[in-house]
């Protein structure tokens, strides 16, 4: 079955390039030049990945990404931003969005294909975390001093298990909260490591450039 991809960009050439980079039958690509049109279509399409430009008519790429992540399958949907070579990023809007990469236009088709494949595969491995607690049927406790009814499941169970009252199991809600907290902590750790790596690379580059400048003086 083909992976469903939504591409949103105000540039017709970028839309066409994305279509060519993500060929059928592996991918089924739907393109939109307007952010509002994309928002209306995304719930019906149920995409595996959304590639969106930043500045768009009606709604921008940040809004589209937020909407995608708010959907029931948001964690399993990859989000990739398409950025113009001189287009600024808004760090405040970008920071809270769980995205899979930023591609600078004009992009290389093979590189985009590899990124989308990797992002879709990675997202498919993420478990779905239902928001509603699971409700199960349980048997009522027999009052002290009374004979326990014997149902098909043994002494103490009602003759009709489905007639037992509902009891909300809170354990799963606790587990979900713990998983979300661990995911958040892991992401923060990864971001901290990435910042350290980038700063180290910047410092190394500055030292090399200063050395070149000093050498060129003599």
N, C-alpha and C. Protein backbone atom coordinates (compact mmCIF):
# COMPACT_ATOMS: atom_id res chain seq x y z
N UNK A 1 0.85 -1.20 0.00
CA UNK A 1 0.00 0.00 0.00
C UNK A 1 0.88 1.25 0.00
N UNK A 2 0.51 2.22 -0.81
CA UNK A 2 1.33 3.44 -0.96
C UNK A 2 1.28 4.29 0.30
N UNK A 3 2.39 4.95 0.59
CA UNK A 3 2.43 5.92 1.68
C UNK A 3 1.75 7.20 1.19
N UNK A 4 0.90 7.77 2.05
CA UNK A 4 0.19 9.00 1.68
C UNK A 4 0.99 10.21 2.15
N UNK A 5 1.31 11.08 1.20
CA UNK A 5 2.12 12.25 1.48
C UNK A 5 1.36 13.51 1.08
N UNK A 6 1.33 14.49 1.98
CA UNK A 6 0.75 15.80 1.68
C UNK A 6 1.89 16.81 1.56
N UNK A 7 1.92 17.54 0.46
CA UNK A 7 2.93 18.58 0.25
C UNK A 7 2.22 19.92 0.12
N UNK A 8 2.63 20.89 0.94
CA UNK A 8 2.01 22.21 0.92
C UNK A 8 3.10 23.25 0.68
N UNK A 9 2.96 24.01 -0.39
CA UNK A 9 3.94 25.06 -0.68
C UNK A 9 3.34 26.04 -1.68
N UNK A 10 3.70 27.30 -1.54
CA UNK A 10 3.17 28.32 -2.46
C UNK A 10 3.86 28.30 -3.80
N UNK A 11 4.99 27.58 -3.92
CA UNK A 11 5.75 27.51 -5.17
C UNK A 11 5.32 26.29 -5.99
N UNK A 12 4.74 26.49 -7.18
CA UNK A 12 4.37 25.36 -8.03
C UNK A 12 5.57 24.48 -8.39
N UNK A 13 6.74 25.10 -8.55
CA UNK A 13 7.92 24.32 -8.90
C UNK A 13 8.34 23.41 -7.74
N UNK A 14 8.20 23.88 -6.50
CA UNK A 14 8.52 23.05 -5.34
C UNK A 14 7.54 21.88 -5.23
N UNK A 15 6.27 22.14 -5.49
CA UNK A 15 5.28 21.07 -5.46
C UNK A 15 5.59 20.01 -6.51
N UNK A 16 5.93 20.46 -7.71
CA UNK A 16 6.24 19.52 -8.79
C UNK A 16 7.51 18.73 -8.47
N UNK A 17 8.51 19.39 -7.91
CA UNK A 17 9.76 18.72 -7.55
C UNK A 17 9.52 17.64 -6.51
N UNK A 18 8.64 17.93 -5.55
CA UNK A 18 8.33 16.94 -4.52
C UNK A 18 7.60 15.75 -5.11
N UNK A 19 6.68 16.01 -6.05
CA UNK A 19 5.97 14.91 -6.71
C UNK A 19 6.94 14.00 -7.46
N UNK A 20 7.91 14.60 -8.15
CA UNK A 20 8.88 13.81 -8.91
C UNK A 20 9.81 13.03 -7.98
N UNK A 21 10.12 13.61 -6.82
CA UNK A 21 11.03 12.95 -5.88
C UNK A 21 10.37 11.79 -5.15
N UNK A 22 9.04 11.81 -5.06
CA UNK A 22 8.29 10.78 -4.32
C UNK A 22 7.35 10.06 -5.29
N UNK A 23 7.89 9.15 -6.08
CA UNK A 23 7.11 8.55 -7.16
C UNK A 23 6.15 7.45 -6.71
N UNK A 24 5.13 7.23 -7.55
CA UNK A 24 4.24 6.08 -7.38
C UNK A 24 4.99 4.85 -7.88
N UNK A 25 4.62 3.65 -7.44
CA UNK A 25 3.50 3.34 -6.54
C UNK A 25 3.87 3.40 -5.05
N UNK A 26 5.13 3.74 -4.74
CA UNK A 26 5.52 3.78 -3.32
C UNK A 26 4.82 4.90 -2.57
N UNK A 27 4.57 6.02 -3.26
CA UNK A 27 3.96 7.17 -2.60
C UNK A 27 2.72 7.64 -3.36
N UNK A 28 1.78 8.13 -2.60
CA UNK A 28 0.58 8.78 -3.15
C UNK A 28 0.60 10.22 -2.66
N UNK A 29 0.92 11.15 -3.57
CA UNK A 29 1.20 12.53 -3.18
C UNK A 29 0.01 13.44 -3.51
N UNK A 30 -0.42 14.22 -2.51
CA UNK A 30 -1.44 15.25 -2.71
C UNK A 30 -0.79 16.61 -2.46
N UNK A 31 -0.92 17.54 -3.40
CA UNK A 31 -0.25 18.84 -3.28
C UNK A 31 -1.27 19.96 -3.09
N UNK A 32 -0.86 20.97 -2.31
CA UNK A 32 -1.71 22.13 -2.04
C UNK A 32 -0.86 23.39 -2.04
N UNK A 33 -1.38 24.45 -2.63
CA UNK A 33 -0.68 25.73 -2.65
C UNK A 33 -1.19 26.69 -1.60
N UNK A 34 -2.20 26.27 -0.84
CA UNK A 34 -2.84 27.12 0.15
C UNK A 34 -2.94 26.38 1.48
N UNK A 35 -2.56 27.03 2.57
CA UNK A 35 -2.57 26.38 3.87
C UNK A 35 -3.95 25.98 4.35
N UNK A 36 -4.94 26.82 4.09
CA UNK A 36 -6.30 26.51 4.55
C UNK A 36 -6.86 25.30 3.83
N UNK A 37 -6.60 25.19 2.53
CA UNK A 37 -7.06 24.03 1.76
C UNK A 37 -6.42 22.75 2.30
N UNK A 38 -5.15 22.83 2.63
CA UNK A 38 -4.45 21.66 3.17
C UNK A 38 -5.05 21.23 4.50
N UNK A 39 -5.36 22.19 5.37
CA UNK A 39 -5.95 21.87 6.68
C UNK A 39 -7.30 21.16 6.52
N UNK A 40 -8.08 21.58 5.55
CA UNK A 40 -9.38 20.95 5.34
C UNK A 40 -9.23 19.52 4.83
N UNK A 41 -8.18 19.27 4.04
CA UNK A 41 -8.02 17.96 3.40
C UNK A 41 -7.30 16.93 4.26
N UNK A 42 -6.42 17.37 5.14
CA UNK A 42 -5.56 16.45 5.90
C UNK A 42 -6.34 15.39 6.69
N UNK A 43 -7.42 15.73 7.41
CA UNK A 43 -8.12 14.68 8.17
C UNK A 43 -8.65 13.56 7.29
N UNK A 44 -9.14 13.90 6.09
CA UNK A 44 -9.68 12.88 5.18
C UNK A 44 -8.56 12.05 4.56
N UNK A 45 -7.42 12.66 4.29
CA UNK A 45 -6.31 11.93 3.66
C UNK A 45 -5.64 11.01 4.65
N UNK A 46 -5.45 11.45 5.90
CA UNK A 46 -4.75 10.66 6.90
C UNK A 46 -3.32 10.37 6.46
N UNK A 47 -2.52 11.42 6.21
CA UNK A 47 -1.19 11.23 5.61
C UNK A 47 -0.20 10.54 6.54
N UNK A 48 0.78 9.86 5.90
CA UNK A 48 1.90 9.30 6.65
C UNK A 48 2.98 10.36 6.87
N UNK A 49 3.00 11.37 6.01
CA UNK A 49 3.96 12.46 6.16
C UNK A 49 3.39 13.73 5.55
N UNK A 50 3.75 14.87 6.14
CA UNK A 50 3.35 16.18 5.62
C UNK A 50 4.60 17.01 5.41
N UNK A 51 4.79 17.49 4.19
CA UNK A 51 5.90 18.38 3.85
C UNK A 51 5.29 19.76 3.63
N UNK A 52 5.69 20.73 4.41
CA UNK A 52 5.05 22.04 4.32
C UNK A 52 6.05 23.19 4.28
N UNK A 53 5.75 24.15 3.41
CA UNK A 53 6.51 25.39 3.41
C UNK A 53 6.20 26.17 4.66
N UNK A 54 6.97 27.22 4.91
CA UNK A 54 6.76 28.04 6.11
C UNK A 54 5.74 29.15 5.86
N UNK A 55 6.03 30.02 4.91
CA UNK A 55 5.12 31.11 4.57
C UNK A 55 4.15 30.63 3.50
N UNK A 56 2.86 30.61 3.86
CA UNK A 56 1.83 30.11 2.95
C UNK A 56 0.62 31.04 2.97
N UNK A 57 -0.17 31.03 1.90
CA UNK A 57 -1.43 31.78 1.93
C UNK A 57 -2.37 31.21 2.99
N UNK A 58 -3.09 32.08 3.67
CA UNK A 58 -4.13 31.73 4.64
C UNK A 58 -3.56 31.21 5.96
N UNK A 59 -2.88 30.07 5.96
CA UNK A 59 -2.30 29.48 7.18
C UNK A 59 -0.84 29.14 6.91
N UNK A 60 0.04 29.39 7.89
CA UNK A 60 1.45 29.11 7.64
C UNK A 60 1.82 27.67 8.01
N UNK A 61 3.08 27.31 7.73
CA UNK A 61 3.52 25.95 7.95
C UNK A 61 3.52 25.53 9.41
N UNK A 62 3.76 26.46 10.31
CA UNK A 62 3.73 26.14 11.74
C UNK A 62 2.33 25.73 12.17
N UNK A 63 1.33 26.42 11.66
CA UNK A 63 -0.06 26.09 12.00
C UNK A 63 -0.42 24.71 11.44
N UNK A 64 0.03 24.43 10.24
CA UNK A 64 -0.25 23.13 9.63
C UNK A 64 0.39 22.02 10.47
N UNK A 65 1.65 22.21 10.86
CA UNK A 65 2.34 21.20 11.67
C UNK A 65 1.64 20.99 13.01
N UNK A 66 1.23 22.08 13.66
CA UNK A 66 0.50 21.97 14.93
C UNK A 66 -0.79 21.17 14.75
N UNK A 67 -1.50 21.45 13.65
CA UNK A 67 -2.75 20.75 13.38
C UNK A 67 -2.50 19.26 13.16
N UNK A 68 -1.47 18.94 12.38
CA UNK A 68 -1.15 17.54 12.10
C UNK A 68 -0.87 16.79 13.40
N UNK A 69 -0.08 17.40 14.28
CA UNK A 69 0.28 16.74 15.53
C UNK A 69 -0.89 16.63 16.50
N UNK A 70 -1.93 17.43 16.29
CA UNK A 70 -3.11 17.36 17.16
C UNK A 70 -4.07 16.25 16.76
N UNK A 71 -3.85 15.65 15.59
CA UNK A 71 -4.73 14.60 15.10
C UNK A 71 -4.47 13.29 15.86
N UNK A 72 -5.44 12.36 15.84
CA UNK A 72 -5.27 11.09 16.57
C UNK A 72 -4.00 10.33 16.20
N UNK A 73 -3.58 10.43 14.92
CA UNK A 73 -2.38 9.73 14.47
C UNK A 73 -1.19 10.68 14.37
N UNK A 74 -1.24 11.78 15.11
CA UNK A 74 -0.20 12.80 14.99
C UNK A 74 1.19 12.30 15.27
N UNK A 75 1.36 11.44 16.27
CA UNK A 75 2.70 10.94 16.62
C UNK A 75 3.26 10.04 15.53
N UNK A 76 2.37 9.40 14.76
CA UNK A 76 2.83 8.51 13.69
C UNK A 76 2.98 9.24 12.34
N UNK A 77 2.71 10.54 12.31
CA UNK A 77 2.80 11.31 11.07
C UNK A 77 4.07 12.15 11.06
N UNK A 78 4.90 11.94 10.05
CA UNK A 78 6.14 12.71 9.92
C UNK A 78 5.83 14.11 9.43
N UNK A 79 6.59 15.09 9.92
CA UNK A 79 6.44 16.48 9.47
C UNK A 79 7.81 17.00 9.05
N UNK A 80 7.90 17.50 7.83
CA UNK A 80 9.14 18.06 7.29
C UNK A 80 8.84 19.47 6.79
N UNK A 81 9.65 20.44 7.19
CA UNK A 81 9.47 21.82 6.74
C UNK A 81 10.30 22.07 5.48
N UNK A 82 9.71 22.81 4.53
CA UNK A 82 10.40 23.22 3.31
C UNK A 82 10.70 24.71 3.44
N UNK A 83 11.97 25.05 3.45
CA UNK A 83 12.37 26.42 3.73
C UNK A 83 13.10 27.05 2.54
N UNK A 84 12.75 28.29 2.23
CA UNK A 84 13.47 29.02 1.20
C UNK A 84 14.89 29.34 1.65
N UNK A 85 15.83 29.53 0.72
CA UNK A 85 17.24 29.74 1.09
C UNK A 85 17.48 30.95 1.98
N UNK A 86 16.65 31.97 1.86
CA UNK A 86 16.82 33.17 2.69
C UNK A 86 15.61 33.40 3.60
N UNK A 87 14.80 32.37 3.77
CA UNK A 87 13.58 32.48 4.56
C UNK A 87 13.90 32.31 6.05
N UNK A 88 13.49 33.25 6.90
CA UNK A 88 13.81 33.14 8.33
C UNK A 88 12.95 32.09 9.03
N UNK A 89 13.51 31.49 10.06
CA UNK A 89 12.77 30.57 10.93
C UNK A 89 12.32 31.32 12.18
N UNK A 90 11.18 30.94 12.70
CA UNK A 90 10.68 31.50 13.96
C UNK A 90 10.96 30.49 15.07
N UNK A 91 12.03 30.67 15.85
CA UNK A 91 12.40 29.68 16.87
C UNK A 91 11.28 29.42 17.88
N UNK A 92 10.53 30.45 18.25
CA UNK A 92 9.47 30.29 19.24
C UNK A 92 8.36 29.37 18.72
N UNK A 93 8.05 29.47 17.45
CA UNK A 93 7.01 28.62 16.86
C UNK A 93 7.54 27.22 16.56
N UNK A 94 8.82 27.15 16.19
CA UNK A 94 9.40 25.87 15.78
C UNK A 94 9.69 24.95 16.97
N UNK A 95 10.13 25.52 18.09
CA UNK A 95 10.60 24.73 19.23
C UNK A 95 9.61 23.67 19.72
N UNK A 96 8.33 23.99 19.89
CA UNK A 96 7.42 22.97 20.46
C UNK A 96 6.93 21.93 19.45
N UNK A 97 7.30 22.07 18.18
CA UNK A 97 6.78 21.17 17.15
C UNK A 97 7.70 19.97 16.98
N UNK A 98 7.15 18.79 17.12
CA UNK A 98 7.90 17.54 16.96
C UNK A 98 8.02 17.26 15.46
N UNK A 99 9.07 17.79 14.83
CA UNK A 99 9.22 17.63 13.38
C UNK A 99 10.39 16.72 13.05
N UNK A 100 10.50 16.34 11.78
CA UNK A 100 11.49 15.36 11.34
C UNK A 100 12.59 15.94 10.46
N UNK A 101 12.60 17.24 10.28
CA UNK A 101 13.67 17.84 9.50
C UNK A 101 13.24 19.12 8.81
N UNK A 102 14.24 19.88 8.35
CA UNK A 102 14.02 21.11 7.59
C UNK A 102 14.83 21.00 6.31
N UNK A 103 14.17 21.09 5.18
CA UNK A 103 14.81 20.96 3.88
C UNK A 103 14.84 22.32 3.21
N UNK A 104 16.01 22.72 2.74
CA UNK A 104 16.16 24.02 2.07
C UNK A 104 15.88 23.86 0.58
N UNK A 105 15.02 24.73 0.06
CA UNK A 105 14.71 24.73 -1.36
C UNK A 105 15.74 25.57 -2.14
N UNK A 106 16.04 25.22 -3.38
CA UNK A 106 15.59 24.02 -4.09
C UNK A 106 16.30 22.78 -3.56
N UNK A 107 15.57 21.71 -3.38
CA UNK A 107 16.13 20.51 -2.75
C UNK A 107 16.50 19.45 -3.78
N UNK A 108 17.39 18.57 -3.36
CA UNK A 108 17.78 17.42 -4.18
C UNK A 108 16.74 16.32 -4.01
N UNK A 109 16.22 15.82 -5.12
CA UNK A 109 15.15 14.83 -5.06
C UNK A 109 15.54 13.56 -4.32
N UNK A 110 16.76 13.07 -4.54
CA UNK A 110 17.21 11.84 -3.89
C UNK A 110 17.32 12.03 -2.38
N UNK A 111 17.81 13.19 -1.97
CA UNK A 111 17.95 13.47 -0.54
C UNK A 111 16.58 13.57 0.13
N UNK A 112 15.64 14.22 -0.55
CA UNK A 112 14.28 14.33 0.00
C UNK A 112 13.65 12.96 0.12
N UNK A 113 13.81 12.13 -0.89
CA UNK A 113 13.26 10.78 -0.87
C UNK A 113 13.81 9.98 0.32
N UNK A 114 15.11 10.05 0.53
CA UNK A 114 15.74 9.32 1.63
C UNK A 114 15.23 9.82 2.98
N UNK A 115 15.09 11.15 3.11
CA UNK A 115 14.60 11.73 4.37
C UNK A 115 13.17 11.29 4.67
N UNK A 116 12.30 11.34 3.66
CA UNK A 116 10.90 10.97 3.86
C UNK A 116 10.78 9.50 4.21
N UNK A 117 11.51 8.65 3.51
CA UNK A 117 11.47 7.22 3.80
C UNK A 117 11.88 6.94 5.25
N UNK A 118 12.99 7.55 5.67
CA UNK A 118 13.49 7.33 7.03
C UNK A 118 12.50 7.86 8.07
N UNK A 119 11.93 9.05 7.80
CA UNK A 119 10.99 9.65 8.76
C UNK A 119 9.72 8.81 8.89
N UNK A 120 9.19 8.33 7.77
CA UNK A 120 7.97 7.52 7.80
C UNK A 120 8.23 6.21 8.53
N UNK A 121 9.35 5.57 8.24
CA UNK A 121 9.68 4.31 8.91
C UNK A 121 9.82 4.51 10.42
N UNK A 122 10.48 5.60 10.81
CA UNK A 122 10.69 5.87 12.24
C UNK A 122 9.36 6.15 12.94
N UNK A 123 8.50 6.89 12.30
CA UNK A 123 7.21 7.23 12.91
C UNK A 123 6.30 6.02 13.04
N UNK A 124 6.40 5.09 12.11
CA UNK A 124 5.56 3.90 12.15
C UNK A 124 5.88 3.04 13.36
N UNK A 125 7.10 3.16 13.88
CA UNK A 125 7.52 2.35 15.02
C UNK A 125 7.03 2.93 16.35
N UNK A 126 6.57 4.19 16.35
CA UNK A 126 6.11 4.80 17.59
C UNK A 126 4.76 4.24 17.98
N UNK A 127 4.58 3.87 19.25
CA UNK A 127 3.29 3.33 19.70
C UNK A 127 2.24 4.42 19.78
N UNK A 128 1.01 4.01 19.59
CA UNK A 128 -0.11 4.93 19.75
C UNK A 128 -0.51 4.95 21.21
N UNK A 129 -0.66 6.14 21.78
CA UNK A 129 -1.03 6.28 23.19
C UNK A 129 -2.45 6.82 23.30
N UNK A 130 -3.44 5.96 23.51
CA UNK A 130 -4.83 6.44 23.60
C UNK A 130 -5.00 7.38 24.77
N UNK A 131 -5.84 8.37 24.57
CA UNK A 131 -6.06 9.37 25.61
C UNK A 131 -7.09 8.92 26.64
N UNK A 132 -8.03 8.07 26.22
CA UNK A 132 -9.10 7.68 27.13
C UNK A 132 -8.69 6.47 27.95
N UNK A 133 -8.94 6.45 29.27
CA UNK A 133 -8.61 5.28 30.07
C UNK A 133 -9.45 4.08 29.68
N UNK A 134 -8.88 2.89 29.81
CA UNK A 134 -9.60 1.67 29.48
C UNK A 134 -10.59 1.35 30.60
N UNK A 135 -11.77 0.99 30.23
CA UNK A 135 -12.80 0.64 31.22
C UNK A 135 -13.08 -0.84 31.08
N UNK A 136 -13.09 -1.56 32.20
CA UNK A 136 -13.33 -3.00 32.18
C UNK A 136 -14.47 -3.36 33.11
N UNK A 137 -15.05 -4.52 32.88
CA UNK A 137 -16.12 -5.03 33.73
C UNK A 137 -15.52 -5.87 34.85
N UNK A 138 -15.95 -5.65 36.08
CA UNK A 138 -15.46 -6.45 37.20
C UNK A 138 -16.63 -6.94 38.02
N UNK A 139 -16.38 -7.98 38.78
CA UNK A 139 -17.44 -8.55 39.61
C UNK A 139 -17.58 -7.77 40.90
N UNK A 140 -18.79 -7.56 41.39
CA UNK A 140 -18.96 -6.88 42.68
C UNK A 140 -18.54 -7.80 43.81
N UNK A 141 -18.06 -7.22 44.91
CA UNK A 141 -17.68 -8.00 46.08
C UNK A 141 -18.94 -8.43 46.83
N UNK A 142 -18.95 -9.66 47.31
CA UNK A 142 -20.10 -10.14 48.06
C UNK A 142 -20.10 -9.53 49.45
N UNK A 143 -21.25 -9.06 49.96
CA UNK A 143 -21.30 -8.49 51.31
C UNK A 143 -20.90 -9.53 52.34
N UNK A 144 -20.29 -9.09 53.45
CA UNK A 144 -19.90 -10.04 54.51
C UNK A 144 -21.11 -10.81 55.01
N UNK A 145 -20.91 -12.10 55.25
CA UNK A 145 -21.97 -12.93 55.83
C UNK A 145 -22.94 -13.47 54.82
N UNK A 146 -22.73 -13.21 53.54
CA UNK A 146 -23.64 -13.72 52.52
C UNK A 146 -22.90 -14.73 51.68
N UNK A 147 -23.64 -15.66 51.12
CA UNK A 147 -23.03 -16.67 50.26
C UNK A 147 -22.69 -16.05 48.94
N UNK A 148 -21.50 -16.35 48.48
CA UNK A 148 -21.07 -15.79 47.20
C UNK A 148 -21.74 -16.53 46.07
N UNK A 149 -22.20 -15.74 45.10
CA UNK A 149 -22.80 -16.36 43.92
C UNK A 149 -21.70 -17.02 43.11
N UNK A 150 -22.05 -18.11 42.46
CA UNK A 150 -21.06 -18.82 41.65
C UNK A 150 -21.45 -18.71 40.19
N UNK A 151 -20.66 -17.97 39.45
CA UNK A 151 -20.90 -17.80 38.04
C UNK A 151 -20.01 -18.69 37.23
N UNK A 152 -19.98 -18.52 35.90
CA UNK A 152 -19.16 -19.36 35.03
C UNK A 152 -17.67 -19.20 35.27
N UNK A 153 -17.25 -18.09 35.93
CA UNK A 153 -15.83 -17.88 36.19
C UNK A 153 -15.41 -18.37 37.57
N UNK A 154 -16.33 -18.98 38.31
CA UNK A 154 -15.97 -19.52 39.62
C UNK A 154 -16.70 -18.81 40.74
N UNK A 155 -16.47 -19.24 41.98
CA UNK A 155 -17.15 -18.63 43.15
C UNK A 155 -16.85 -17.14 43.25
N UNK A 156 -17.86 -16.37 43.63
CA UNK A 156 -17.66 -14.94 43.82
C UNK A 156 -17.90 -14.12 42.58
N UNK A 157 -18.16 -14.78 41.43
CA UNK A 157 -18.43 -14.03 40.21
C UNK A 157 -19.90 -14.11 39.89
N UNK A 158 -20.45 -13.08 39.25
CA UNK A 158 -21.88 -13.10 38.93
C UNK A 158 -22.18 -14.09 37.81
N UNK A 159 -23.41 -14.54 37.78
CA UNK A 159 -23.81 -15.46 36.73
C UNK A 159 -23.62 -14.84 35.36
N UNK A 160 -23.84 -13.53 35.27
CA UNK A 160 -23.64 -12.80 34.01
C UNK A 160 -22.52 -11.79 34.21
N UNK A 161 -21.27 -12.07 33.80
CA UNK A 161 -20.16 -11.14 34.02
C UNK A 161 -20.40 -9.77 33.41
N UNK A 162 -21.15 -9.73 32.30
CA UNK A 162 -21.39 -8.45 31.65
C UNK A 162 -22.32 -7.56 32.45
N UNK A 163 -22.99 -8.15 33.44
CA UNK A 163 -23.91 -7.35 34.25
C UNK A 163 -23.17 -6.65 35.39
N UNK A 164 -21.86 -6.93 35.55
CA UNK A 164 -21.11 -6.32 36.63
C UNK A 164 -20.93 -4.83 36.38
N UNK A 165 -20.83 -4.01 37.44
CA UNK A 165 -20.65 -2.56 37.25
C UNK A 165 -19.28 -2.24 36.67
N UNK A 166 -19.18 -1.07 36.04
CA UNK A 166 -17.93 -0.64 35.43
C UNK A 166 -16.98 -0.07 36.49
N UNK A 167 -15.70 -0.31 36.28
CA UNK A 167 -14.67 0.27 37.16
C UNK A 167 -13.55 0.82 36.29
N UNK A 168 -13.26 2.06 36.43
CA UNK A 168 -12.23 2.68 35.60
C UNK A 168 -10.84 2.30 36.09
N UNK A 169 -10.04 1.75 35.21
CA UNK A 169 -8.69 1.34 35.57
C UNK A 169 -7.76 2.54 35.38
N UNK A 170 -7.19 3.05 36.47
CA UNK A 170 -6.34 4.23 36.41
C UNK A 170 -4.89 3.90 36.11
N UNK A 171 -4.53 2.61 36.24
CA UNK A 171 -3.14 2.24 36.07
C UNK A 171 -2.63 2.61 34.70
N UNK A 172 -3.42 2.37 33.65
CA UNK A 172 -2.96 2.66 32.30
C UNK A 172 -2.74 4.16 32.10
N UNK A 173 -3.59 4.98 32.72
CA UNK A 173 -3.41 6.42 32.62
C UNK A 173 -2.08 6.83 33.23
N UNK A 174 -1.74 6.20 34.37
CA UNK A 174 -0.46 6.50 35.03
C UNK A 174 0.71 6.10 34.15
N UNK A 175 0.60 4.91 33.54
CA UNK A 175 1.67 4.43 32.67
C UNK A 175 1.85 5.35 31.47
N UNK A 176 0.72 5.80 30.87
CA UNK A 176 0.81 6.70 29.72
C UNK A 176 1.52 7.99 30.11
N UNK A 177 1.19 8.52 31.30
CA UNK A 177 1.82 9.76 31.76
C UNK A 177 3.31 9.57 31.96
N UNK A 178 3.71 8.40 32.50
CA UNK A 178 5.13 8.12 32.69
C UNK A 178 5.86 8.04 31.36
N UNK A 179 5.23 7.39 30.37
CA UNK A 179 5.86 7.26 29.05
C UNK A 179 6.04 8.63 28.41
N UNK A 180 4.99 9.46 28.49
CA UNK A 180 5.10 10.80 27.91
C UNK A 180 6.21 11.60 28.58
N UNK A 181 6.32 11.47 29.91
CA UNK A 181 7.36 12.19 30.63
C UNK A 181 8.75 11.72 30.22
N UNK A 182 8.91 10.41 30.04
CA UNK A 182 10.20 9.87 29.62
C UNK A 182 10.56 10.33 28.21
N UNK A 183 9.55 10.36 27.32
CA UNK A 183 9.79 10.82 25.95
C UNK A 183 10.24 12.27 25.98
N UNK A 184 9.58 13.10 26.80
CA UNK A 184 9.95 14.51 26.89
C UNK A 184 11.36 14.69 27.41
N UNK A 185 11.75 13.89 28.44
CA UNK A 185 13.09 13.99 28.99
C UNK A 185 14.13 13.56 27.97
N UNK A 186 13.84 12.49 27.23
CA UNK A 186 14.79 12.02 26.22
C UNK A 186 15.00 13.06 25.15
N UNK A 187 13.90 13.70 24.73
CA UNK A 187 14.02 14.71 23.69
C UNK A 187 14.86 15.88 24.16
N UNK A 188 14.67 16.30 25.43
CA UNK A 188 15.46 17.40 25.97
C UNK A 188 16.93 17.04 26.03
N UNK A 189 17.22 15.79 26.40
CA UNK A 189 18.61 15.35 26.46
C UNK A 189 19.25 15.37 25.07
N UNK A 190 18.49 14.90 24.07
CA UNK A 190 19.00 14.89 22.70
C UNK A 190 19.26 16.31 22.21
N UNK A 191 18.32 17.23 22.52
CA UNK A 191 18.50 18.62 22.11
C UNK A 191 19.72 19.24 22.77
N UNK A 192 19.95 18.90 24.07
CA UNK A 192 21.12 19.43 24.77
C UNK A 192 22.40 18.92 24.14
N UNK A 193 22.44 17.63 23.80
CA UNK A 193 23.63 17.07 23.16
C UNK A 193 23.86 17.71 21.81
N UNK A 194 22.76 17.91 21.05
CA UNK A 194 22.89 18.53 19.73
C UNK A 194 23.44 19.94 19.84
N UNK A 195 22.98 20.69 20.85
CA UNK A 195 23.48 22.05 21.03
C UNK A 195 24.97 22.04 21.34
N UNK A 196 25.38 21.08 22.20
CA UNK A 196 26.80 20.98 22.54
C UNK A 196 27.65 20.66 21.32
N UNK A 197 27.14 19.76 20.48
CA UNK A 197 27.88 19.38 19.27
C UNK A 197 28.00 20.56 18.32
N UNK A 198 26.90 21.29 18.15
CA UNK A 198 26.91 22.45 17.26
C UNK A 198 27.87 23.52 17.77
N UNK A 199 27.82 23.79 19.08
CA UNK A 199 28.71 24.81 19.65
C UNK A 199 30.17 24.40 19.50
N UNK A 200 30.45 23.11 19.70
CA UNK A 200 31.83 22.64 19.55
C UNK A 200 32.31 22.82 18.12
N UNK A 201 31.42 22.54 17.17
CA UNK A 201 31.78 22.69 15.75
C UNK A 201 31.99 24.15 15.40
N UNK A 202 31.12 25.03 15.95
CA UNK A 202 31.26 26.47 15.70
C UNK A 202 32.60 26.98 16.24
N UNK A 203 32.94 26.55 17.46
CA UNK A 203 34.21 26.98 18.06
C UNK A 203 35.40 26.50 17.24
N UNK A 204 35.33 25.25 16.78
CA UNK A 204 36.42 24.71 15.98
C UNK A 204 36.59 25.49 14.68
N UNK A 205 35.45 25.81 14.05
CA UNK A 205 35.50 26.56 12.79
C UNK A 205 36.07 27.96 13.02
N UNK A 206 35.66 28.61 14.11
CA UNK A 206 36.17 29.94 14.42
C UNK A 206 37.67 29.92 14.65
N UNK A 207 38.15 28.91 15.37
CA UNK A 207 39.58 28.80 15.62
C UNK A 207 40.35 28.63 14.32
N UNK A 208 39.82 27.79 13.41
CA UNK A 208 40.48 27.58 12.12
C UNK A 208 40.50 28.87 11.30
N UNK A 209 39.37 29.59 11.29
CA UNK A 209 39.31 30.82 10.51
C UNK A 209 40.24 31.88 11.08
N UNK A 210 40.30 31.97 12.42
CA UNK A 210 41.20 32.95 13.05
C UNK A 210 42.65 32.60 12.75
N UNK A 211 42.97 31.31 12.73
CA UNK A 211 44.32 30.89 12.42
C UNK A 211 44.69 31.27 10.99
N UNK A 212 43.73 31.14 10.08
CA UNK A 212 43.98 31.54 8.69
C UNK A 212 44.22 33.03 8.58
N UNK A 213 43.44 33.80 9.34
CA UNK A 213 43.60 35.26 9.30
C UNK A 213 44.97 35.66 9.84
N UNK A 214 45.36 35.04 10.96
CA UNK A 214 46.65 35.35 11.56
C UNK A 214 47.78 34.97 10.62
N UNK A 215 47.64 33.83 9.94
CA UNK A 215 48.69 33.37 9.01
C UNK A 215 48.82 34.29 7.83
N UNK A 216 47.65 34.80 7.35
CA UNK A 216 47.67 35.66 6.16
C UNK A 216 48.33 37.02 6.43
N UNK A 217 48.49 37.41 7.70
CA UNK A 217 49.10 38.70 8.02
C UNK A 217 50.61 38.68 7.80
N UNK A 218 51.21 37.48 7.83
CA UNK A 218 52.66 37.38 7.72
C UNK A 218 53.10 36.92 6.34
